[in-house]
Amino acid sequence: MLVVVAVMKAKAGMEQEFEQALKDIIPQVETEKGTLMYTLHRHKKEAGKFLFYEKYTDKEALKEHSSTPHFAALFGKIGPMLDGSPVIEMYEELSGITPKK
């Protein structure tokens, strides 16, 4: 499995609008076959800093996610609100616990 960690920061004064735009894409991403997890987090001390924890079945699933119209629309919307470039890192999942229900 492929894990992606994406960290983005909103420009001052745009934090709430930025957060809402990020939240709005989640239902659309949920329909993607190869996307296993797509979780949004907000930094505890920096209100405008956000982290997505994403898990995909493989590189092809990530490529499909990145090619969707809703992904392009998201970056069209948040692009002017970004404070700097997103930091995106990829990891290979090695071990862990199964999420509890």
C-alpha atoms as a PDB file:
ATOM      1  CA  MET A   1       0.000   0.000   0.000  1.00  0.00           C
ATOM      2  CA  LEU A   2       1.028   3.563  -0.671  1.00  0.00           C
ATOM      3  CA  VAL A   3       0.644   6.295   1.944  1.00  0.00           C
ATOM      4  CA  VAL A   4       0.709   9.996   1.119  1.00  0.00           C
ATOM      5  CA  VAL A   5       1.074  12.782   3.668  1.00  0.00           C
ATOM      6  CA  ALA A   6       0.190  16.211   2.282  1.00  0.00           C
ATOM      7  CA  VAL A   7       0.669  19.369   4.366  1.00  0.00           C
ATOM      8  CA  MET A   8      -0.833  22.674   3.223  1.00  0.00           C
ATOM      9  CA  LYS A   9      -1.097  26.090   4.764  1.00  0.00           C
ATOM     10  CA  ALA A  10      -3.771  28.717   4.140  1.00  0.00           C
ATOM     11  CA  LYS A  11      -3.026  32.398   3.815  1.00  0.00           C
ATOM     12  CA  ALA A  12      -3.928  34.469   6.863  1.00  0.00           C
ATOM     13  CA  GLY A  13      -7.624  35.291   6.945  1.00  0.00           C
ATOM     14  CA  MET A  14      -8.551  32.452   4.579  1.00  0.00           C
ATOM     15  CA  GLU A  15      -8.341  29.559   7.045  1.00  0.00           C
ATOM     16  CA  GLN A  16     -12.063  28.798   7.297  1.00  0.00           C
ATOM     17  CA  GLU A  17     -12.728  28.982   3.552  1.00  0.00           C
ATOM     18  CA  PHE A  18      -9.648  26.834   2.906  1.00  0.00           C
ATOM     19  CA  GLU A  19     -10.750  24.249   5.470  1.00  0.00           C
ATOM     20  CA  GLN A  20     -14.228  24.045   3.970  1.00  0.00           C
ATOM     21  CA  ALA A  21     -12.816  23.518   0.475  1.00  0.00           C
ATOM     22  CA  LEU A  22     -10.707  20.634   1.791  1.00  0.00           C
ATOM     23  CA  LYS A  23     -13.688  19.103   3.589  1.00  0.00           C
ATOM     24  CA  ASP A  24     -15.886  19.424   0.493  1.00  0.00           C
ATOM     25  CA  ILE A  25     -13.738  17.053  -1.584  1.00  0.00           C
ATOM     26  CA  ILE A  26     -13.892  14.161   0.895  1.00  0.00           C
ATOM     27  CA  PRO A  27     -17.293  12.717  -0.205  1.00  0.00           C
ATOM     28  CA  GLN A  28     -16.079  12.692  -3.810  1.00  0.00           C
ATOM     29  CA  VAL A  29     -12.785  11.018  -2.917  1.00  0.00           C
ATOM     30  CA  GLU A  30     -14.712   8.401  -0.949  1.00  0.00           C
ATOM     31  CA  THR A  31     -16.123   7.080  -4.249  1.00  0.00           C
ATOM     32  CA  GLU A  32     -12.661   6.351  -5.672  1.00  0.00           C
ATOM     33  CA  LYS A  33     -12.077   2.604  -5.854  1.00  0.00           C
ATOM     34  CA  GLY A  34      -8.367   2.543  -4.958  1.00  0.00           C
ATOM     35  CA  THR A  35      -8.463   5.221  -2.255  1.00  0.00           C
ATOM     36  CA  LEU A  36      -8.556   3.425   1.099  1.00  0.00           C
ATOM     37  CA  MET A  37      -8.173   6.383   3.466  1.00  0.00           C
ATOM     38  CA  TYR A  38      -8.357  10.149   3.040  1.00  0.00           C
ATOM     39  CA  THR A  39      -8.333  11.908   6.399  1.00  0.00           C
ATOM     40  CA  LEU A  40      -8.056  15.655   6.975  1.00  0.00           C
ATOM     41  CA  HIS A  41      -6.349  17.061  10.076  1.00  0.00           C
ATOM     42  CA  ARG A  42      -5.891  20.627  11.353  1.00  0.00           C
ATOM     43  CA  HIS A  43      -2.762  21.620  13.277  1.00  0.00           C
ATOM     44  CA  LYS A  44      -3.441  22.178  16.984  1.00  0.00           C
ATOM     45  CA  LYS A  45      -1.432  25.411  17.239  1.00  0.00           C
ATOM     46  CA  GLU A  46      -1.482  26.747  13.662  1.00  0.00           C
ATOM     47  CA  ALA A  47      -5.129  27.154  12.622  1.00  0.00           C
ATOM     48  CA  GLY A  48      -4.257  27.549   8.939  1.00  0.00           C
ATOM     49  CA  LYS A  49      -2.085  24.437   8.653  1.00  0.00           C
ATOM     50  CA  PHE A  50      -3.725  21.224   7.419  1.00  0.00           C
ATOM     51  CA  LEU A  51      -2.581  17.661   6.835  1.00  0.00           C
ATOM     52  CA  PHE A  52      -4.149  14.984   4.681  1.00  0.00           C
ATOM     53  CA  TYR A  53      -3.288  11.369   5.527  1.00  0.00           C
ATOM     54  CA  GLU A  54      -4.047   9.311   2.437  1.00  0.00           C
ATOM     55  CA  LYS A  55      -3.792   5.603   1.723  1.00  0.00           C
ATOM     56  CA  TYR A  56      -4.008   4.012  -1.715  1.00  0.00           C
ATOM     57  CA  THR A  57      -3.932   0.428  -2.940  1.00  0.00           C
ATOM     58  CA  ASP A  58      -1.022   1.268  -5.267  1.00  0.00           C
ATOM     59  CA  LYS A  59       0.607   3.972  -7.406  1.00  0.00           C
ATOM     60  CA  GLU A  60      -2.057   3.556 -10.073  1.00  0.00           C
ATOM     61  CA  ALA A  61      -4.796   4.414  -7.556  1.00  0.00           C
ATOM     62  CA  LEU A  62      -2.904   7.569  -6.553  1.00  0.00           C
ATOM     63  CA  LYS A  63      -2.511   8.485 -10.226  1.00  0.00           C
ATOM     64  CA  GLU A  64      -6.250   8.005 -10.759  1.00  0.00           C
ATOM     65  CA  HIS A  65      -7.041  10.160  -7.706  1.00  0.00           C
ATOM     66  CA  SER A  66      -4.741  12.926  -8.922  1.00  0.00           C
ATOM     67  CA  SER A  67      -6.413  12.880 -12.373  1.00  0.00           C
ATOM     68  CA  THR A  68     -10.016  13.296 -11.226  1.00  0.00           C
ATOM     69  CA  PRO A  69     -12.024  16.410 -12.073  1.00  0.00           C
ATOM     70  CA  HIS A  70     -12.753  16.991  -8.376  1.00  0.00           C
ATOM     71  CA  PHE A  71      -9.026  16.983  -7.563  1.00  0.00           C
ATOM     72  CA  ALA A  72      -8.360  19.555 -10.296  1.00  0.00           C
ATOM     73  CA  ALA A  73     -11.307  21.656  -9.095  1.00  0.00           C
ATOM     74  CA  LEU A  74      -9.996  21.579  -5.522  1.00  0.00           C
ATOM     75  CA  PHE A  75      -6.604  22.941  -6.506  1.00  0.00           C
ATOM     76  CA  GLY A  76      -8.245  25.520  -8.757  1.00  0.00           C
ATOM     77  CA  LYS A  77     -10.197  26.711  -5.735  1.00  0.00           C
ATOM     78  CA  ILE A  78      -7.503  26.568  -3.044  1.00  0.00           C
ATOM     79  CA  GLY A  79      -4.587  27.660  -5.243  1.00  0.00           C
ATOM     80  CA  PRO A  80      -5.067  31.382  -4.531  1.00  0.00           C
ATOM     81  CA  MET A  81      -5.529  30.611  -0.816  1.00  0.00           C
ATOM     82  CA  LEU A  82      -2.309  28.611  -0.405  1.00  0.00           C
ATOM     83  CA  ASP A  83       0.506  30.108   1.645  1.00  0.00           C
ATOM     84  CA  GLY A  84       3.412  28.452  -0.138  1.00  0.00           C
ATOM     85  CA  SER A  85       3.525  25.131  -1.921  1.00  0.00           C
ATOM     86  CA  PRO A  86       2.051  21.978  -0.401  1.00  0.00           C
ATOM     87  CA  VAL A  87       4.563  19.521   1.043  1.00  0.00           C
ATOM     88  CA  ILE A  88       3.762  16.039  -0.219  1.00  0.00           C
ATOM     89  CA  GLU A  89       5.602  12.936   0.939  1.00  0.00           C
ATOM     90  CA  MET A  90       5.043   9.300  -0.022  1.00  0.00           C
ATOM     91  CA  TYR A  91       5.567   6.299   2.211  1.00  0.00           C
ATOM     92  CA  GLU A  92       5.239   2.552   1.956  1.00  0.00           C
ATOM     93  CA  GLU A  93       3.090   1.072   4.710  1.00  0.00           C
ATOM     94  CA  LEU A  94       5.006  -1.592   6.623  1.00  0.00           C
ATOM     95  CA  SER A  95       3.014  -2.450   9.734  1.00  0.00           C
ATOM     96  CA  GLY A  96       0.261  -1.142  11.988  1.00  0.00           C
ATOM     97  CA  ILE A  97      -3.014  -1.843  13.722  1.00  0.00           C
ATOM     98  CA  THR A  98      -6.397  -2.226  12.076  1.00  0.00           C
ATOM     99  CA  PRO A  99      -8.680   0.764  12.773  1.00  0.00           C
ATOM    100  CA  LYS A 100     -11.085   0.012  15.615  1.00  0.00           C
ATOM    101  CA  LYS A 101     -14.803   0.468  15.069  1.00  0.00           C
END
